[in-house]
Amino acid sequence: MDYCTYTHFIFDLDNTLYNENDYLFPVYRKIAEFSSKNYNVSETEVCQYLINNYLEKGRFNLFDNLISDFFLPKESLNHYLLHLRTIELESKLSLNQNVERFIKINKSYKNKFYILTNGNSIQQRNKFNQLEFSDVNVFEKVVYAGDYSYQKPDLRLFYDLGLTDKNKIQTLMIGDSIVDEEFALNVGIDFLNVLKL
């Protein structure tokens, strides 16, 4: 793909700029430690449960199922969500090397980079703030769709980035999911899966 035709690049956050497991697995270990201290369950078992079920079934109802299967109090969910959204990692989140190289190569006075991410805005800001990137200011704007009443693939988010219809032909969306691809289709811009970067 010839990137010279583009001057605006929109990136997804999770599993595009970095590997989301690098954020989630420390969260699960923290939750397991918390559960062991407060609810008299095995830290190892809780941690393995969270990681294995996440890898096999995804995140949907993961904490609810943990509470049910380990007979934990329902109010523990609030503690788990707090860990998920505000954890301070021991080490920074490593930027996807291909993305970092891409930005360095394509960085110039005319090229602009943006981030557009779905999800809880507190959690997504926490992730972004813990990215290990020498030039985080390279991003023109970061839009957290959780701040809005709509999320990707809603095309209104394109304009929330500060872009206009005139920018569409020069804009490339780089992401990892069908939602990212659908967003690009809705807006009328090109899409590239980050794995092909």
Foldseek 3Di string as FASTA:
>chain_A
DDLPLAQEEEEEDDPQFFDCCVQVLVLQLVLLVVCCVPPVDHSVVSSCQLVVCCVVPNDVCSVVVSCVVVVHDPVCVVVSVCSQLAPDDPAATETDPLVLVVCVVSDDPRHAYEYFYEDQPSRVVNNLVRHDDPCSVSHPYYDYCNVDPDGALDQVVVVVSVDDLVNQANYEYEYADPRSVSSNVVNVHHYDYSVVD
